[in-house]
């Protein structure tokens, strides 16, 4: 089946019973227990990260990924629709994970469970039985930026680093690591500023998002490396960059790795 990268609730409702779909819910467990899209299989956000300090947001091991995708009944011929309960961070992280394993047939439910529930679409509390599978996944490292790759990109004017953290984290006034501030040359657009709270946490129109990025010096033809603290919030900015047609990688080590390393270069815009 053919669906766009970003779909609206009415589009999903129209094909809920399509056997070619695999619907993934990455909400809090309590939210999923109370309400979810019919047929959606729950994935805990902790299943998408390695959880090992100092960079707990890095990609899990291949063994862990195989276990996760076996549990949800993954099949390469399925079209995967993913959503969450927070505006797209974890859903975007899952889409990045799909890119990592080389699966390209996927969509993001715009607005997630907020838009789905508030706009009157069918809901369920039933936990579906997923048919387990035995995937043999491989890793596509092309969408993963290592710390060394980020370091090597600092002198390349065509590569732009999109920091999805808050302005306080970017400036260095908020302490989140042993060293605080931002990667030299990185531009800051907080992930929260890419969604519309008045439209049930949908993404802002792509044209508006493009204007925001252009104002920060990110233009067509640039390659983007995006990050946050643990590559959770930057899951959404990764998704946005894909939707806008950019060549994009995610730095999954993110600030938890960069800011806790003794030798990485750091800029600050904060004075006490």
Foldseek 3Di string as FASTA:
>chain_A
DDDDQEDELVVCLVCVPPPLEAEEEAEPPVVLLVKDAPRYAYDHLQLQFCCDPLQGLHGHDLVSVQVVCQQSQDDLRHQYEYFYQPQFLSVLSVCLVCVQQPRDRYHYHFLGPQLCVVVDHDIDNDHDHHRGDGDDTDTDCQQEQEPVNLVVCLPPPLEEEEEQEDPCQQQFVDDDEQGTHHAPRHDYDHLQNQFDVVNNSGGDPLVVVQVVVVVRVNDPRGEYEYAYCQSRSCSRVQSSCVVVPHNYHYHRSHCSNQRHDPDHDHDHNDDD
